[in-house]
Amino acid sequence: MDDRAEWDDLRERRMAEPGAAEAYEAARIAFELGQTARELRARARRMVLRRRAARP
């Protein structure tokens, strides 16, 4: 069995456990929230830098 098949089998078994789908969804939402927060911080940082550069 190759590595891919082993990971697929492991994921399939894990997702069959009670509550796994809900936990997976919660983790996905948390990841997306964190990703959005990082993007917003990066935008805010760029805006501050632009404002500082525009000062006389």
Foldseek 3Di string as FASTA:
>chain_A
DDPVVVVVVVVVVQCPDPPSVVVVVVVVVVVVVVVVVVVVVVVVVVVVVVVVVPDD
